[in-house]
C-alpha atoms as a PDB file:
ATOM      1  CA  MET A   1       0.001  -0.005  -0.008  1.00  0.00           C
ATOM      2  CA  LEU A   2       2.789   2.402   0.969  1.00  0.00           C
ATOM      3  CA  LYS A   3       4.654   1.589  -2.279  1.00  0.00           C
ATOM      4  CA  LYS A   4       1.532   2.313  -4.305  1.00  0.00           C
ATOM      5  CA  ILE A   5       1.109   5.709  -2.560  1.00  0.00           C
ATOM      6  CA  ALA A   6       4.788   6.574  -3.061  1.00  0.00           C
ATOM      7  CA  THR A   7       4.590   5.544  -6.732  1.00  0.00           C
ATOM      8  CA  ARG A   8       1.478   7.657  -7.244  1.00  0.00           C
ATOM      9  CA  ALA A   9       3.146  10.639  -5.568  1.00  0.00           C
ATOM     10  CA  GLY A  10       6.175  10.283  -7.829  1.00  0.00           C
ATOM     11  CA  VAL A  11       4.023  10.040 -10.892  1.00  0.00           C
ATOM     12  CA  ILE A  12       2.046  13.124  -9.842  1.00  0.00           C
ATOM     13  CA  ALA A  13       5.278  15.094  -9.249  1.00  0.00           C
ATOM     14  CA  ALA A  14       6.657  14.095 -12.677  1.00  0.00           C
ATOM     15  CA  THR A  15       3.351  14.911 -14.391  1.00  0.00           C
ATOM     16  CA  THR A  16       3.204  18.294 -12.639  1.00  0.00           C
ATOM     17  CA  ALA A  17       6.700  19.081 -13.788  1.00  0.00           C
ATOM     18  CA  LEU A  18       5.890  18.089 -17.389  1.00  0.00           C
ATOM     19  CA  ALA A  19       2.663  20.105 -17.305  1.00  0.00           C
ATOM     20  CA  ALA A  20       4.531  23.168 -16.077  1.00  0.00           C
ATOM     21  CA  LEU A  21       6.960  22.834 -18.973  1.00  0.00           C
ATOM     22  CA  SER A  22       4.153  22.554 -21.512  1.00  0.00           C
ATOM     23  CA  VAL A  23       2.304  25.575 -20.135  1.00  0.00           C
ATOM     24  CA  ALA A  24       5.434  27.661 -20.006  1.00  0.00           C
ATOM     25  CA  GLY A  25       6.232  26.837 -23.599  1.00  0.00           C
ATOM     26  CA  ALA A  26       9.914  27.277 -22.856  1.00  0.00           C
ATOM     27  CA  ALA A  27      11.060  24.189 -24.690  1.00  0.00           C
ATOM     28  CA  GLU A  28      10.172  22.556 -27.965  1.00  0.00           C
ATOM     29  CA  ALA A  29      10.051  18.957 -29.056  1.00  0.00           C
ATOM     30  CA  LYS A  30      13.463  17.667 -30.192  1.00  0.00           C
ATOM     31  CA  PRO A  31      13.801  18.793 -33.814  1.00  0.00           C
ATOM     32  CA  GLY A  32      13.243  16.025 -36.346  1.00  0.00           C
ATOM     33  CA  VAL A  33      11.577  13.602 -33.926  1.00  0.00           C
ATOM     34  CA  GLY A  34       8.193  12.696 -35.329  1.00  0.00           C
ATOM     35  CA  TYR A  35       5.097  11.939 -33.328  1.00  0.00           C
ATOM     36  CA  ILE A  36       4.240   8.260 -32.915  1.00  0.00           C
ATOM     37  CA  GLY A  37       0.810   6.724 -33.495  1.00  0.00           C
ATOM     38  CA  TYR A  38      -1.713   5.714 -36.127  1.00  0.00           C
ATOM     39  CA  GLY A  39      -1.356   7.911 -39.199  1.00  0.00           C
ATOM     40  CA  LYS A  40       2.225   8.865 -38.315  1.00  0.00           C
ATOM     41  CA  THR A  41       5.484   7.820 -40.003  1.00  0.00           C
ATOM     42  CA  ASN A  42       6.386   5.588 -37.054  1.00  0.00           C
ATOM     43  CA  ASN A  43      10.130   4.904 -37.201  1.00  0.00           C
ATOM     44  CA  THR A  44      10.692   1.266 -36.066  1.00  0.00           C
ATOM     45  CA  HIS A  45      13.226   2.424 -33.451  1.00  0.00           C
ATOM     46  CA  ALA A  46      10.757   4.973 -32.105  1.00  0.00           C
ATOM     47  CA  VAL A  47       7.991   2.414 -31.772  1.00  0.00           C
ATOM     48  CA  TRP A  48      10.358  -0.027 -30.046  1.00  0.00           C
ATOM     49  CA  CYS A  49      11.359   2.717 -27.616  1.00  0.00           C
ATOM     50  CA  VAL A  50       7.704   3.444 -26.783  1.00  0.00           C
ATOM     51  CA  GLN A  51       7.031  -0.266 -26.257  1.00  0.00           C
ATOM     52  CA  HIS A  52      10.110  -0.764 -24.130  1.00  0.00           C
ATOM     53  CA  GLN A  53       9.547   2.323 -22.022  1.00  0.00           C
ATOM     54  CA  TYR A  54       5.907   1.439 -21.541  1.00  0.00           C
ATOM     55  CA  ASN A  55       6.796  -2.084 -20.356  1.00  0.00           C
ATOM     56  CA  TYR A  56       9.392  -0.774 -17.944  1.00  0.00           C
ATOM     57  CA  LEU A  57       7.032   1.889 -16.643  1.00  0.00           C
ATOM     58  CA  VAL A  58       4.152  -0.446 -15.856  1.00  0.00           C
ATOM     59  CA  ARG A  59       6.480  -3.149 -14.500  1.00  0.00           C
ATOM     60  CA  VAL A  60       8.555  -0.910 -12.213  1.00  0.00           C
ATOM     61  CA  ASN A  61       6.609   2.299 -11.563  1.00  0.00           C
ATOM     62  CA  GLY A  62       2.989   1.131 -11.937  1.00  0.00           C
ATOM     63  CA  PRO A  63       0.112   1.390 -12.806  1.00  0.00           C
ATOM     64  CA  SER A  64      -0.580  -2.296 -13.192  1.00  0.00           C
ATOM     65  CA  HIS A  65      -1.325  -3.165 -16.833  1.00  0.00           C
ATOM     66  CA  PRO A  66      -0.280  -5.992 -19.202  1.00  0.00           C
ATOM     67  CA  GLN A  67       3.098  -5.865 -20.932  1.00  0.00           C
ATOM     68  CA  ILE A  68       3.172  -5.546 -24.736  1.00  0.00           C
ATOM     69  CA  ALA A  69       5.415  -6.963 -27.490  1.00  0.00           C
ATOM     70  CA  GLU A  70       8.637  -5.052 -28.142  1.00  0.00           C
ATOM     71  CA  ASP A  71       8.650  -5.658 -31.897  1.00  0.00           C
ATOM     72  CA  GLY A  72       8.916  -2.119 -33.246  1.00  0.00           C
ATOM     73  CA  LYS A  73       5.555  -2.429 -35.029  1.00  0.00           C
ATOM     74  CA  PHE A  74       2.781   0.041 -34.195  1.00  0.00           C
ATOM     75  CA  GLY A  75      -0.532  -1.771 -33.879  1.00  0.00           C
ATOM     76  CA  PRO A  76      -3.566  -2.182 -31.645  1.00  0.00           C
ATOM     77  CA  GLN A  77      -1.571  -3.391 -28.610  1.00  0.00           C
ATOM     78  CA  THR A  78       0.784  -0.382 -28.669  1.00  0.00           C
ATOM     79  CA  ASP A  79      -2.098   2.033 -29.351  1.00  0.00           C
ATOM     80  CA  GLU A  80      -4.063   0.639 -26.423  1.00  0.00           C
ATOM     81  CA  ALA A  81      -1.058   0.866 -24.117  1.00  0.00           C
ATOM     82  CA  ILE A  82      -0.466   4.543 -25.017  1.00  0.00           C
ATOM     83  CA  ARG A  83      -4.160   5.354 -24.534  1.00  0.00           C
ATOM     84  CA  PHE A  84      -4.186   3.548 -21.164  1.00  0.00           C
ATOM     85  CA  LEU A  85      -1.271   5.608 -19.844  1.00  0.00           C
ATOM     86  CA  GLN A  86      -2.664   8.865 -21.270  1.00  0.00           C
ATOM     87  CA  LYS A  87      -6.049   8.227 -19.620  1.00  0.00           C
ATOM     88  CA  TYR A  88      -4.308   7.273 -16.353  1.00  0.00           C
ATOM     89  CA  TRP A  89      -2.396  10.597 -16.208  1.00  0.00           C
ATOM     90  CA  TRP A  90      -4.661  13.041 -17.997  1.00  0.00           C
ATOM     91  CA  GLY A  91      -8.117  11.516 -18.032  1.00  0.00           C
ATOM     92  CA  ASP A  92     -10.278  11.211 -21.124  1.00  0.00           C
ATOM     93  CA  SER A  93      -9.401  14.704 -22.433  1.00  0.00           C
ATOM     94  CA  GLY A  94      -5.695  13.774 -22.876  1.00  0.00           C
ATOM     95  CA  THR A  95      -6.305  10.420 -24.578  1.00  0.00           C
ATOM     96  CA  ASP A  96      -5.507  10.452 -28.317  1.00  0.00           C
ATOM     97  CA  GLY A  97      -3.123   7.482 -28.758  1.00  0.00           C
ATOM     98  CA  ILE A  98      -0.412   9.766 -30.152  1.00  0.00           C
ATOM     99  CA  VAL A  99       3.031  10.032 -28.508  1.00  0.00           C
ATOM    100  CA  GLY A 100       3.842  13.740 -28.749  1.00  0.00           C
ATOM    101  CA  PRO A 101       6.060  15.752 -26.393  1.00  0.00           C
ATOM    102  CA  ALA A 102       3.893  15.349 -23.253  1.00  0.00           C
ATOM    103  CA  THR A 103       3.421  11.585 -23.549  1.00  0.00           C
ATOM    104  CA  GLY A 104       6.957  11.171 -24.809  1.00  0.00           C
ATOM    105  CA  GLY A 105       8.258  13.044 -21.787  1.00  0.00           C
ATOM    106  CA  LEU A 106       6.474  10.597 -19.503  1.00  0.00           C
ATOM    107  CA  PHE A 107       8.066   7.634 -21.319  1.00  0.00           C
ATOM    108  CA  LEU A 108      11.536   9.186 -21.207  1.00  0.00           C
ATOM    109  CA  THR A 109      11.296  10.278 -17.588  1.00  0.00           C
ATOM    110  CA  LEU A 110       9.455   7.371 -15.970  1.00  0.00           C
ATOM    111  CA  GLY A 111      10.568   4.538 -18.276  1.00  0.00           C
ATOM    112  CA  ASP A 112      13.849   2.646 -18.285  1.00  0.00           C
ATOM    113  CA  PRO A 113      16.531   5.194 -17.341  1.00  0.00           C
ATOM    114  CA  VAL A 114      19.132   3.435 -19.494  1.00  0.00           C
ATOM    115  CA  TYR A 115      17.062   4.315 -22.580  1.00  0.00           C
ATOM    116  CA  GLY A 116      15.299   7.470 -21.378  1.00  0.00           C
ATOM    117  CA  THR A 117      16.548  10.508 -19.532  1.00  0.00           C
ATOM    118  CA  VAL A 118      17.900  10.645 -15.984  1.00  0.00           C
ATOM    119  CA  ALA A 119      19.892  13.366 -14.215  1.00  0.00           C
ATOM    120  CA  GLY A 120      20.307  15.279 -17.443  1.00  0.00           C
ATOM    121  CA  GLU A 121      21.724  12.286 -19.334  1.00  0.00           C
ATOM    122  CA  LYS A 122      19.936  11.345 -22.527  1.00  0.00           C
ATOM    123  CA  GLY A 123      19.660   7.631 -23.415  1.00  0.00           C
ATOM    124  CA  TYR A 124      19.090   5.925 -26.746  1.00  0.00           C
ATOM    125  CA  CYS A 125      15.354   6.637 -26.948  1.00  0.00           C
ATOM    126  CA  TYR A 126      15.802  10.377 -26.557  1.00  0.00           C
ATOM    127  CA  ASP A 127      16.574  10.575 -30.275  1.00  0.00           C
ATOM    128  CA  TYR A 128      13.360   8.725 -31.192  1.00  0.00           C
ATOM    129  CA  ILE A 129      10.643   9.881 -28.716  1.00  0.00           C
ATOM    130  CA  PRO A 130       9.388  13.457 -28.907  1.00  0.00           C
ATOM    131  CA  SER A 131       9.677  15.497 -25.684  1.00  0.00           C
ATOM    132  CA  TYR A 132       9.877  19.049 -24.391  1.00  0.00           C
ATOM    133  CA  THR A 133      13.584  18.745 -23.507  1.00  0.00           C
END
């Protein structure tokens, strides 16, 4: 129970920080990094990064949700996973199934630190997932 509360508090703090960045408009998405989702170009590396970061996030940081294949192919399973996390953090109004800078920032910050961002260091997926930093 305590772990769940601590996890939720950490997620809320990260979400608040990301929301503050998006409202301030101080940073832009990394140039050249396309959005990920249905109707998008969907670089295979980018999709793999989303799938890997999602699996790490739900396995280590919660919320509890099934893992998805890490095959680099965008399909119904990846779309549903993105929508699940968006609804979890932003409710129905933030659910579009597209990984843009806000959703990408969550994956990079709360996902696997080896592939995301931690303490100012940018991992492999930084070059493939859009974010505000």
